[in-house]
Amino acid sequence: MTKLNTGLSGCSLELINDRVLRKYSPTTDYNSRLLSQADKQVVFGNRIYKNIDAPKVYDIQENYFDMEYIAGKNFDEFFSTASINDVEFVVSTLFDYFDTLISTARNIDATKQILDKLDSLKEKSSYPKYIEFLRKYVEDKRIVVPHTFCHGDLTFANIIFHQNRLFFIDFLDCYVDTFLSDLVKLKQD
C-alpha cells in the first residue's frame, strides 16, 4: 500500500494495489461529505460524455471509498509536454462537455439557495457587512440559473489526463448545481 499526496480537504489517498485507490475521510465530521463525493462520482460515471469519465467507484464505507486507479498525468505533467493537438483535444473535449450540459439545462430560481449560502458565510466571514449587502441585493432580485450536473470543484488539478480521455476526480457538493460554477472554476485556473 502506498500513501499519495492529497489536496486541501485533508483526505488521504492510499494505493491499495495497481488498480484500486482508497480515499479516506480526515475526520468523522467529514464522513458525510466524503460519501456525498463518492455518490456524485458514481452518478457522473453512469453518464456518457465524449472523452470524459470518472474513476469507477468499487466500494463505499462510512469513512472511505475505493475507486479505480487511473494512471495518467496531472495538469503540470500533461501541459509541460503537450503538443498543439493535445491542447486542442482538451479544449474541444471541455467545450463538448459544457455544450452537452447547456443543452440539457433547465432554468431554476436559485434565490433561496443563494440566500442560505450567504447566511452560512456571514457566520464565519470577516466581512459581515459585505455579506449583508450581497444578501439585500439578492433579496431584491429573482436569481435564475441553468440547473445542470455540477462537478463542484472542476479545476485542472481535479482532472487526470489520460490517453485521449479526461478523468474528473474530487467531486464536491454545491449549493446550486449549475455548469456556471464549474466554468468559473476552470476560468480561474
N, C-alpha and C. Protein backbone atom coordinates (compact mmCIF):
# COMPACT_ATOMS: atom_id res chain seq x y z
N MET A 1 0.84 -1.18 0.00
CA MET A 1 0.00 0.00 0.00
C MET A 1 0.88 1.24 0.00
N THR A 2 0.52 2.19 -0.83
CA THR A 2 1.31 3.40 -0.99
C THR A 2 0.47 4.62 -0.67
N LYS A 3 0.95 5.49 0.23
CA LYS A 3 0.27 6.75 0.53
C LYS A 3 0.60 7.73 -0.60
N LEU A 4 -0.37 8.56 -0.97
CA LEU A 4 -0.19 9.52 -2.05
C LEU A 4 -0.43 10.93 -1.55
N ASN A 5 0.09 11.90 -2.29
CA ASN A 5 -0.16 13.30 -1.96
C ASN A 5 -1.64 13.62 -2.13
N THR A 6 -2.13 14.55 -1.31
CA THR A 6 -3.54 14.91 -1.37
C THR A 6 -3.69 16.42 -1.50
N GLY A 7 -4.94 16.83 -1.69
CA GLY A 7 -5.25 18.25 -1.87
C GLY A 7 -5.52 18.94 -0.55
N LEU A 8 -6.43 19.91 -0.59
CA LEU A 8 -6.69 20.78 0.55
C LEU A 8 -7.72 20.23 1.54
N SER A 9 -8.48 19.21 1.16
CA SER A 9 -9.57 18.72 2.01
C SER A 9 -9.07 18.01 3.26
N GLY A 10 -7.85 17.53 3.22
CA GLY A 10 -7.33 16.76 4.34
C GLY A 10 -7.54 15.27 4.18
N CYS A 11 -8.28 14.87 3.13
CA CYS A 11 -8.48 13.45 2.86
C CYS A 11 -7.14 12.83 2.50
N SER A 12 -6.99 11.56 2.84
CA SER A 12 -5.77 10.87 2.45
C SER A 12 -6.11 9.84 1.38
N LEU A 13 -5.12 9.57 0.55
CA LEU A 13 -5.26 8.60 -0.53
C LEU A 13 -4.25 7.49 -0.32
N GLU A 14 -4.67 6.27 -0.59
CA GLU A 14 -3.79 5.13 -0.45
C GLU A 14 -3.99 4.21 -1.65
N LEU A 15 -2.91 3.89 -2.31
CA LEU A 15 -2.96 2.96 -3.43
C LEU A 15 -2.95 1.55 -2.84
N ILE A 16 -4.09 0.86 -2.95
CA ILE A 16 -4.24 -0.48 -2.37
C ILE A 16 -3.48 -1.49 -3.22
N ASN A 17 -3.65 -1.39 -4.52
CA ASN A 17 -2.88 -2.20 -5.48
C ASN A 17 -2.84 -1.41 -6.78
N ASP A 18 -2.37 -1.99 -7.84
CA ASP A 18 -2.20 -1.22 -9.08
C ASP A 18 -3.53 -0.85 -9.75
N ARG A 19 -4.67 -1.27 -9.16
CA ARG A 19 -5.97 -0.98 -9.75
C ARG A 19 -6.93 -0.26 -8.82
N VAL A 20 -6.63 -0.21 -7.52
CA VAL A 20 -7.59 0.34 -6.56
C VAL A 20 -6.94 1.44 -5.71
N LEU A 21 -7.65 2.58 -5.64
CA LEU A 21 -7.23 3.72 -4.83
C LEU A 21 -8.29 3.94 -3.76
N ARG A 22 -7.85 4.11 -2.51
CA ARG A 22 -8.78 4.35 -1.40
C ARG A 22 -8.64 5.80 -0.94
N LYS A 23 -9.78 6.45 -0.81
CA LYS A 23 -9.82 7.83 -0.32
C LYS A 23 -10.47 7.82 1.06
N TYR A 24 -9.71 8.30 2.08
CA TYR A 24 -10.16 8.31 3.47
C TYR A 24 -10.63 9.70 3.88
N SER A 25 -11.63 9.72 4.71
CA SER A 25 -12.10 10.96 5.33
C SER A 25 -11.08 11.40 6.38
N PRO A 26 -10.81 12.71 6.49
CA PRO A 26 -9.84 13.16 7.50
C PRO A 26 -10.40 13.14 8.92
N THR A 27 -11.72 13.28 9.07
CA THR A 27 -12.36 13.30 10.39
C THR A 27 -13.76 12.68 10.29
N THR A 28 -14.32 12.32 11.41
CA THR A 28 -15.68 11.79 11.40
C THR A 28 -16.68 12.85 10.95
N ASP A 29 -16.40 14.12 11.24
CA ASP A 29 -17.28 15.20 10.79
C ASP A 29 -17.32 15.31 9.27
N TYR A 30 -16.26 14.87 8.60
CA TYR A 30 -16.17 14.97 7.14
C TYR A 30 -16.77 13.75 6.44
N ASN A 31 -17.09 12.69 7.18
CA ASN A 31 -17.56 11.44 6.57
C ASN A 31 -18.73 11.65 5.61
N SER A 32 -19.73 12.40 6.02
CA SER A 32 -20.91 12.57 5.17
C SER A 32 -20.54 13.30 3.88
N ARG A 33 -19.63 14.24 3.97
CA ARG A 33 -19.21 14.96 2.77
C ARG A 33 -18.44 14.03 1.82
N LEU A 34 -17.59 13.19 2.38
CA LEU A 34 -16.85 12.23 1.55
C LEU A 34 -17.81 11.26 0.86
N LEU A 35 -18.82 10.80 1.59
CA LEU A 35 -19.79 9.88 1.00
C LEU A 35 -20.59 10.58 -0.11
N SER A 36 -20.88 11.86 0.07
CA SER A 36 -21.56 12.63 -0.99
C SER A 36 -20.67 12.72 -2.23
N GLN A 37 -19.36 12.90 -2.01
CA GLN A 37 -18.42 12.93 -3.14
C GLN A 37 -18.45 11.61 -3.89
N ALA A 38 -18.42 10.51 -3.15
CA ALA A 38 -18.44 9.19 -3.79
C ALA A 38 -19.73 9.00 -4.57
N ASP A 39 -20.86 9.38 -3.98
CA ASP A 39 -22.15 9.25 -4.67
C ASP A 39 -22.17 10.09 -5.94
N LYS A 40 -21.65 11.29 -5.87
CA LYS A 40 -21.63 12.17 -7.04
C LYS A 40 -20.73 11.60 -8.13
N GLN A 41 -19.62 11.00 -7.73
CA GLN A 41 -18.71 10.37 -8.69
C GLN A 41 -19.40 9.19 -9.38
N VAL A 42 -20.19 8.43 -8.64
CA VAL A 42 -20.94 7.31 -9.21
C VAL A 42 -21.95 7.83 -10.24
N VAL A 43 -22.69 8.87 -9.88
CA VAL A 43 -23.69 9.45 -10.79
C VAL A 43 -23.01 9.93 -12.07
N PHE A 44 -21.89 10.64 -11.91
CA PHE A 44 -21.17 11.14 -13.08
C PHE A 44 -20.67 9.98 -13.94
N GLY A 45 -20.14 8.96 -13.30
CA GLY A 45 -19.60 7.81 -14.03
C GLY A 45 -20.66 7.04 -14.81
N ASN A 46 -21.92 7.16 -14.39
CA ASN A 46 -23.01 6.49 -15.09
C ASN A 46 -23.52 7.29 -16.30
N ARG A 47 -23.04 8.49 -16.45
CA ARG A 47 -23.42 9.31 -17.60
C ARG A 47 -22.40 9.10 -18.72
N ILE A 48 -22.79 9.44 -19.91
CA ILE A 48 -21.90 9.26 -21.05
C ILE A 48 -21.54 10.63 -21.61
N TYR A 49 -20.27 10.95 -21.53
CA TYR A 49 -19.74 12.19 -22.09
C TYR A 49 -18.62 11.83 -23.05
N LYS A 50 -18.50 12.58 -24.10
CA LYS A 50 -17.47 12.31 -25.10
C LYS A 50 -16.08 12.57 -24.50
N ASN A 51 -15.27 11.54 -24.41
CA ASN A 51 -13.87 11.61 -23.96
C ASN A 51 -13.69 12.00 -22.50
N ILE A 52 -14.75 11.94 -21.70
CA ILE A 52 -14.65 12.29 -20.27
C ILE A 52 -15.29 11.18 -19.45
N ASP A 53 -14.65 10.86 -18.34
CA ASP A 53 -15.17 9.84 -17.44
C ASP A 53 -14.72 10.17 -16.02
N ALA A 54 -15.08 9.32 -15.09
CA ALA A 54 -14.61 9.40 -13.71
C ALA A 54 -14.15 8.01 -13.31
N PRO A 55 -13.19 7.91 -12.40
CA PRO A 55 -12.80 6.58 -11.94
C PRO A 55 -14.02 5.85 -11.36
N LYS A 56 -14.14 4.58 -11.68
CA LYS A 56 -15.26 3.78 -11.18
C LYS A 56 -15.12 3.61 -9.67
N VAL A 57 -16.24 3.74 -8.98
CA VAL A 57 -16.27 3.54 -7.53
C VAL A 57 -16.64 2.08 -7.28
N TYR A 58 -15.79 1.39 -6.51
CA TYR A 58 -15.99 -0.03 -6.23
C TYR A 58 -16.71 -0.30 -4.91
N ASP A 59 -16.38 0.49 -3.89
CA ASP A 59 -16.90 0.21 -2.55
C ASP A 59 -16.99 1.53 -1.78
N ILE A 60 -18.09 1.72 -1.06
CA ILE A 60 -18.27 2.91 -0.23
C ILE A 60 -18.52 2.46 1.20
N GLN A 61 -17.69 2.96 2.11
CA GLN A 61 -17.84 2.67 3.53
C GLN A 61 -18.05 3.99 4.28
N GLU A 62 -18.19 3.90 5.59
CA GLU A 62 -18.51 5.09 6.39
C GLU A 62 -17.44 6.19 6.28
N ASN A 63 -16.16 5.81 6.27
CA ASN A 63 -15.11 6.82 6.30
C ASN A 63 -14.12 6.73 5.12
N TYR A 64 -14.46 5.95 4.10
CA TYR A 64 -13.61 5.88 2.92
C TYR A 64 -14.41 5.32 1.75
N PHE A 65 -13.85 5.48 0.57
CA PHE A 65 -14.38 4.75 -0.57
C PHE A 65 -13.23 4.32 -1.47
N ASP A 66 -13.44 3.18 -2.14
CA ASP A 66 -12.45 2.63 -3.06
C ASP A 66 -12.88 2.95 -4.48
N MET A 67 -11.92 3.31 -5.30
CA MET A 67 -12.20 3.63 -6.69
C MET A 67 -11.10 3.11 -7.58
N GLU A 68 -11.38 3.11 -8.85
CA GLU A 68 -10.42 2.70 -9.86
C GLU A 68 -9.22 3.65 -9.85
N TYR A 69 -8.04 3.07 -9.89
CA TYR A 69 -6.83 3.88 -10.01
C TYR A 69 -6.57 4.15 -11.48
N ILE A 70 -6.45 5.43 -11.82
CA ILE A 70 -6.19 5.84 -13.20
C ILE A 70 -4.75 6.33 -13.27
N ALA A 71 -3.93 5.64 -14.03
CA ALA A 71 -2.53 6.04 -14.21
C ALA A 71 -2.48 7.04 -15.35
N GLY A 72 -2.53 8.30 -15.01
CA GLY A 72 -2.49 9.36 -16.01
C GLY A 72 -1.56 10.46 -15.54
N LYS A 73 -1.69 11.60 -16.18
CA LYS A 73 -0.85 12.75 -15.83
C LYS A 73 -1.68 13.82 -15.16
N ASN A 74 -1.03 14.55 -14.27
CA ASN A 74 -1.70 15.72 -13.71
C ASN A 74 -1.51 16.89 -14.67
N PHE A 75 -2.10 18.01 -14.34
CA PHE A 75 -2.07 19.21 -15.18
C PHE A 75 -0.65 19.60 -15.60
N ASP A 76 0.24 19.72 -14.61
CA ASP A 76 1.62 20.15 -14.89
C ASP A 76 2.34 19.16 -15.80
N GLU A 77 2.22 17.88 -15.49
CA GLU A 77 2.89 16.84 -16.30
C GLU A 77 2.36 16.85 -17.74
N PHE A 78 1.06 16.96 -17.87
CA PHE A 78 0.46 16.90 -19.20
C PHE A 78 0.85 18.11 -20.04
N PHE A 79 0.63 19.31 -19.50
CA PHE A 79 0.83 20.51 -20.31
C PHE A 79 2.30 20.88 -20.50
N SER A 80 3.19 20.33 -19.67
CA SER A 80 4.62 20.63 -19.87
C SER A 80 5.18 19.91 -21.10
N THR A 81 4.47 18.85 -21.54
CA THR A 81 4.94 18.11 -22.72
C THR A 81 3.89 18.04 -23.83
N ALA A 82 2.77 18.74 -23.64
CA ALA A 82 1.65 18.63 -24.58
C ALA A 82 1.97 19.26 -25.93
N SER A 83 1.49 18.61 -26.97
CA SER A 83 1.58 19.17 -28.32
C SER A 83 0.37 20.08 -28.55
N ILE A 84 0.37 20.79 -29.66
CA ILE A 84 -0.78 21.61 -30.03
C ILE A 84 -2.03 20.73 -30.14
N ASN A 85 -1.88 19.54 -30.72
CA ASN A 85 -3.01 18.61 -30.85
C ASN A 85 -3.54 18.19 -29.49
N ASP A 86 -2.64 17.97 -28.52
CA ASP A 86 -3.06 17.60 -27.17
C ASP A 86 -3.88 18.72 -26.54
N VAL A 87 -3.42 19.94 -26.69
CA VAL A 87 -4.13 21.09 -26.12
C VAL A 87 -5.49 21.25 -26.81
N GLU A 88 -5.50 21.12 -28.12
CA GLU A 88 -6.77 21.21 -28.86
C GLU A 88 -7.74 20.12 -28.43
N PHE A 89 -7.22 18.93 -28.15
CA PHE A 89 -8.06 17.84 -27.67
C PHE A 89 -8.73 18.21 -26.36
N VAL A 90 -7.96 18.74 -25.40
CA VAL A 90 -8.51 19.11 -24.09
C VAL A 90 -9.55 20.21 -24.26
N VAL A 91 -9.22 21.23 -25.03
CA VAL A 91 -10.15 22.35 -25.23
C VAL A 91 -11.44 21.87 -25.88
N SER A 92 -11.34 21.09 -26.95
CA SER A 92 -12.56 20.64 -27.64
C SER A 92 -13.37 19.68 -26.76
N THR A 93 -12.70 18.85 -25.98
CA THR A 93 -13.40 17.94 -25.08
C THR A 93 -14.18 18.71 -24.02
N LEU A 94 -13.55 19.73 -23.44
CA LEU A 94 -14.24 20.54 -22.43
C LEU A 94 -15.38 21.34 -23.05
N PHE A 95 -15.18 21.87 -24.26
CA PHE A 95 -16.27 22.58 -24.94
C PHE A 95 -17.44 21.63 -25.19
N ASP A 96 -17.16 20.43 -25.66
CA ASP A 96 -18.22 19.43 -25.89
C ASP A 96 -18.96 19.12 -24.59
N TYR A 97 -18.22 18.99 -23.50
CA TYR A 97 -18.81 18.70 -22.20
C TYR A 97 -19.79 19.81 -21.80
N PHE A 98 -19.32 21.05 -21.86
CA PHE A 98 -20.19 22.16 -21.47
C PHE A 98 -21.37 22.32 -22.43
N ASP A 99 -21.14 22.09 -23.70
CA ASP A 99 -22.25 22.14 -24.66
C ASP A 99 -23.32 21.11 -24.31
N THR A 100 -22.90 19.92 -23.91
CA THR A 100 -23.84 18.87 -23.50
C THR A 100 -24.63 19.31 -22.28
N LEU A 101 -23.95 19.87 -21.30
CA LEU A 101 -24.64 20.34 -20.09
C LEU A 101 -25.63 21.45 -20.44
N ILE A 102 -25.20 22.39 -21.26
CA ILE A 102 -26.07 23.51 -21.64
C ILE A 102 -27.31 23.01 -22.36
N SER A 103 -27.14 22.01 -23.20
CA SER A 103 -28.28 21.51 -23.98
C SER A 103 -29.32 20.80 -23.11
N THR A 104 -28.93 20.37 -21.92
CA THR A 104 -29.87 19.68 -21.03
C THR A 104 -30.32 20.56 -19.87
N ALA A 105 -29.88 21.80 -19.83
CA ALA A 105 -30.17 22.69 -18.71
C ALA A 105 -31.64 23.11 -18.69
N ARG A 106 -32.13 23.30 -17.49
CA ARG A 106 -33.43 23.94 -17.32
C ARG A 106 -33.26 25.01 -16.25
N ASN A 107 -33.88 26.14 -16.45
CA ASN A 107 -33.71 27.26 -15.54
C ASN A 107 -34.48 27.02 -14.24
N ILE A 108 -33.82 27.38 -13.13
CA ILE A 108 -34.46 27.29 -11.82
C ILE A 108 -34.24 28.60 -11.07
N ASP A 109 -35.11 28.88 -10.14
CA ASP A 109 -34.95 30.03 -9.26
C ASP A 109 -34.03 29.60 -8.11
N ALA A 110 -32.84 30.16 -8.06
CA ALA A 110 -31.84 29.78 -7.05
C ALA A 110 -31.72 30.81 -5.93
N THR A 111 -32.68 31.72 -5.84
CA THR A 111 -32.61 32.80 -4.85
C THR A 111 -32.47 32.24 -3.43
N LYS A 112 -33.32 31.28 -3.06
CA LYS A 112 -33.27 30.75 -1.69
C LYS A 112 -31.93 30.09 -1.39
N GLN A 113 -31.42 29.28 -2.34
CA GLN A 113 -30.12 28.62 -2.11
C GLN A 113 -29.01 29.65 -1.92
N ILE A 114 -29.05 30.72 -2.70
CA ILE A 114 -28.01 31.75 -2.59
C ILE A 114 -28.13 32.48 -1.26
N LEU A 115 -29.35 32.79 -0.86
CA LEU A 115 -29.54 33.45 0.44
C LEU A 115 -29.09 32.55 1.59
N ASP A 116 -29.41 31.27 1.51
CA ASP A 116 -28.97 30.33 2.54
C ASP A 116 -27.44 30.26 2.59
N LYS A 117 -26.80 30.25 1.43
CA LYS A 117 -25.32 30.20 1.39
C LYS A 117 -24.74 31.47 2.00
N LEU A 118 -25.31 32.62 1.66
CA LEU A 118 -24.82 33.89 2.23
C LEU A 118 -24.98 33.89 3.75
N ASP A 119 -26.10 33.35 4.23
CA ASP A 119 -26.31 33.27 5.68
C ASP A 119 -25.24 32.40 6.34
N SER A 120 -24.89 31.29 5.70
CA SER A 120 -23.87 30.41 6.28
C SER A 120 -22.49 31.06 6.25
N LEU A 121 -22.23 31.88 5.24
CA LEU A 121 -20.93 32.56 5.14
C LEU A 121 -20.82 33.70 6.15
N LYS A 122 -21.93 34.36 6.43
CA LYS A 122 -21.91 35.51 7.33
C LYS A 122 -21.38 35.14 8.71
N GLU A 123 -21.71 33.93 9.17
CA GLU A 123 -21.28 33.48 10.49
C GLU A 123 -19.76 33.37 10.59
N LYS A 124 -19.10 33.05 9.49
CA LYS A 124 -17.66 32.80 9.50
C LYS A 124 -16.84 33.94 8.87
N SER A 125 -17.52 34.90 8.27
CA SER A 125 -16.84 35.91 7.47
C SER A 125 -16.24 37.03 8.32
N SER A 126 -15.14 37.56 7.83
CA SER A 126 -14.55 38.76 8.42
C SER A 126 -15.20 40.01 7.84
N TYR A 127 -16.13 39.80 6.90
CA TYR A 127 -16.77 40.92 6.20
C TYR A 127 -18.29 40.79 6.26
N PRO A 128 -18.88 40.78 7.45
CA PRO A 128 -20.33 40.58 7.55
C PRO A 128 -21.14 41.68 6.88
N LYS A 129 -20.62 42.90 6.86
CA LYS A 129 -21.36 43.99 6.20
C LYS A 129 -21.43 43.77 4.69
N TYR A 130 -20.37 43.26 4.11
CA TYR A 130 -20.38 42.96 2.67
C TYR A 130 -21.35 41.82 2.38
N ILE A 131 -21.34 40.81 3.23
CA ILE A 131 -22.28 39.69 3.06
C ILE A 131 -23.71 40.20 3.16
N GLU A 132 -23.97 41.08 4.10
CA GLU A 132 -25.32 41.64 4.26
C GLU A 132 -25.70 42.47 3.03
N PHE A 133 -24.76 43.22 2.48
CA PHE A 133 -25.01 43.98 1.25
C PHE A 133 -25.42 43.03 0.12
N LEU A 134 -24.67 41.94 -0.05
CA LEU A 134 -24.99 40.96 -1.08
C LEU A 134 -26.35 40.33 -0.82
N ARG A 135 -26.64 40.05 0.44
CA ARG A 135 -27.92 39.44 0.79
C ARG A 135 -29.08 40.35 0.39
N LYS A 136 -28.97 41.63 0.70
CA LYS A 136 -30.03 42.58 0.33
C LYS A 136 -30.16 42.69 -1.19
N TYR A 137 -29.04 42.64 -1.88
CA TYR A 137 -29.08 42.69 -3.34
C TYR A 137 -29.83 41.47 -3.89
N VAL A 138 -29.51 40.30 -3.38
CA VAL A 138 -30.15 39.06 -3.86
C VAL A 138 -31.64 39.05 -3.48
N GLU A 139 -31.98 39.54 -2.29
CA GLU A 139 -33.38 39.58 -1.86
C GLU A 139 -34.24 40.38 -2.82
N ASP A 140 -33.66 41.42 -3.42
CA ASP A 140 -34.40 42.30 -4.33
C ASP A 140 -34.50 41.76 -5.75
N LYS A 141 -33.86 40.65 -6.00
CA LYS A 141 -33.83 40.07 -7.36
C LYS A 141 -34.43 38.68 -7.32
N ARG A 142 -34.70 38.16 -8.46
CA ARG A 142 -35.02 36.74 -8.63
C ARG A 142 -33.85 36.18 -9.41
N ILE A 143 -33.03 35.35 -8.79
CA ILE A 143 -31.83 34.82 -9.41
C ILE A 143 -32.17 33.49 -10.09
N VAL A 144 -32.14 33.50 -11.41
CA VAL A 144 -32.44 32.31 -12.19
C VAL A 144 -31.14 31.82 -12.82
N VAL A 145 -30.87 30.52 -12.65
CA VAL A 145 -29.66 29.92 -13.21
C VAL A 145 -30.02 28.65 -13.96
N PRO A 146 -29.18 28.24 -14.91
CA PRO A 146 -29.41 26.96 -15.58
C PRO A 146 -29.01 25.81 -14.64
N HIS A 147 -29.95 24.92 -14.36
CA HIS A 147 -29.69 23.78 -13.49
C HIS A 147 -29.15 22.63 -14.32
N THR A 148 -27.97 22.14 -13.94
CA THR A 148 -27.31 21.03 -14.64
C THR A 148 -26.52 20.22 -13.63
N PHE A 149 -25.89 19.16 -14.11
CA PHE A 149 -24.91 18.48 -13.27
C PHE A 149 -23.79 19.47 -12.99
N CYS A 150 -23.22 19.39 -11.80
CA CYS A 150 -22.12 20.28 -11.42
C CYS A 150 -21.07 19.47 -10.67
N HIS A 151 -19.84 19.48 -11.18
CA HIS A 151 -18.73 18.78 -10.52
C HIS A 151 -18.53 19.34 -9.12
N GLY A 152 -18.57 20.65 -8.99
CA GLY A 152 -18.42 21.30 -7.69
C GLY A 152 -17.05 21.88 -7.43
N ASP A 153 -16.03 21.33 -8.07
CA ASP A 153 -14.67 21.84 -7.90
C ASP A 153 -13.86 21.49 -9.15
N LEU A 154 -14.40 21.85 -10.30
CA LEU A 154 -13.75 21.49 -11.57
C LEU A 154 -12.59 22.44 -11.87
N THR A 155 -11.43 22.02 -11.40
CA THR A 155 -10.19 22.73 -11.68
C THR A 155 -9.28 21.78 -12.45
N PHE A 156 -8.23 22.31 -13.05
CA PHE A 156 -7.31 21.42 -13.77
C PHE A 156 -6.61 20.45 -12.82
N ALA A 157 -6.51 20.82 -11.54
CA ALA A 157 -5.92 19.90 -10.56
C ALA A 157 -6.82 18.69 -10.32
N ASN A 158 -8.10 18.79 -10.66
CA ASN A 158 -9.04 17.69 -10.45
C ASN A 158 -9.39 16.98 -11.75
N ILE A 159 -8.46 17.04 -12.69
CA ILE A 159 -8.58 16.29 -13.94
C ILE A 159 -7.33 15.44 -14.12
N ILE A 160 -7.52 14.17 -14.39
CA ILE A 160 -6.41 13.29 -14.76
C ILE A 160 -6.39 13.21 -16.28
N PHE A 161 -5.25 13.49 -16.85
CA PHE A 161 -5.09 13.48 -18.31
C PHE A 161 -4.55 12.11 -18.71
N HIS A 162 -5.38 11.39 -19.43
CA HIS A 162 -5.07 10.02 -19.83
C HIS A 162 -5.18 9.97 -21.35
N GLN A 163 -4.61 8.98 -21.98
CA GLN A 163 -4.59 8.87 -23.44
C GLN A 163 -5.97 9.12 -24.04
N ASN A 164 -6.14 10.27 -24.69
CA ASN A 164 -7.39 10.65 -25.36
C ASN A 164 -8.61 10.55 -24.45
N ARG A 165 -8.42 10.82 -23.18
CA ARG A 165 -9.51 10.75 -22.22
C ARG A 165 -9.18 11.65 -21.03
N LEU A 166 -10.18 12.32 -20.51
CA LEU A 166 -10.04 13.11 -19.29
C LEU A 166 -10.85 12.42 -18.21
N PHE A 167 -10.27 12.31 -17.02
CA PHE A 167 -10.98 11.74 -15.88
C PHE A 167 -11.16 12.83 -14.84
N PHE A 168 -12.41 13.12 -14.49
CA PHE A 168 -12.71 14.08 -13.44
C PHE A 168 -12.65 13.36 -12.10
N ILE A 169 -12.02 14.02 -11.12
CA ILE A 169 -11.90 13.47 -9.77
C ILE A 169 -12.28 14.54 -8.75
N ASP A 170 -12.38 14.16 -7.52
CA ASP A 170 -12.61 15.07 -6.39
C ASP A 170 -13.89 15.90 -6.52
N PHE A 171 -14.99 15.23 -6.76
CA PHE A 171 -16.28 15.91 -6.86
C PHE A 171 -16.66 16.50 -5.51
N LEU A 172 -17.36 17.63 -5.53
CA LEU A 172 -17.82 18.27 -4.29
C LEU A 172 -19.29 18.66 -4.42
N ASP A 173 -19.94 18.75 -3.26
CA ASP A 173 -21.31 19.22 -3.27
C ASP A 173 -21.33 20.72 -3.56
N CYS A 174 -22.43 21.19 -4.08
CA CYS A 174 -22.58 22.59 -4.46
C CYS A 174 -23.92 23.09 -3.93
N TYR A 175 -23.96 24.34 -3.53
CA TYR A 175 -25.24 24.85 -3.03
C TYR A 175 -26.21 25.11 -4.17
N VAL A 176 -25.72 25.30 -5.40
CA VAL A 176 -26.56 25.39 -6.59
C VAL A 176 -25.87 24.57 -7.68
N ASP A 177 -26.56 23.56 -8.18
CA ASP A 177 -25.97 22.73 -9.23
C ASP A 177 -26.18 23.39 -10.59
N THR A 178 -25.10 23.98 -11.09
CA THR A 178 -25.12 24.64 -12.39
C THR A 178 -23.73 24.55 -13.01
N PHE A 179 -23.70 24.37 -14.32
CA PHE A 179 -22.41 24.31 -15.01
C PHE A 179 -21.64 25.62 -14.84
N LEU A 180 -22.34 26.71 -14.52
CA LEU A 180 -21.68 28.01 -14.37
C LEU A 180 -20.60 27.96 -13.29
N SER A 181 -20.86 27.22 -12.20
CA SER A 181 -19.86 27.09 -11.13
C SER A 181 -18.60 26.42 -11.65
N ASP A 182 -18.78 25.35 -12.43
CA ASP A 182 -17.62 24.63 -12.97
C ASP A 182 -16.87 25.50 -13.98
N LEU A 183 -17.60 26.21 -14.79
CA LEU A 183 -16.97 27.08 -15.80
C LEU A 183 -16.15 28.18 -15.13
N VAL A 184 -16.68 28.76 -14.07
CA VAL A 184 -15.96 29.81 -13.34
C VAL A 184 -14.68 29.26 -12.74
N LYS A 185 -14.75 28.06 -12.16
CA LYS A 185 -13.54 27.44 -11.57
C LYS A 185 -12.47 27.22 -12.63
N LEU A 186 -12.86 26.71 -13.80
CA LEU A 186 -11.88 26.49 -14.86
C LEU A 186 -11.29 27.79 -15.36
N LYS A 187 -12.12 28.83 -15.46
CA LYS A 187 -11.62 30.13 -15.91
C LYS A 187 -10.60 30.69 -14.91
N GLN A 188 -10.81 30.43 -13.61
CA GLN A 188 -9.85 30.87 -12.60
C GLN A 188 -8.50 30.21 -12.81
N ASP A 189 -8.52 28.95 -13.20
CA ASP A 189 -7.27 28.24 -13.48
C ASP A 189 -6.56 28.88 -14.65
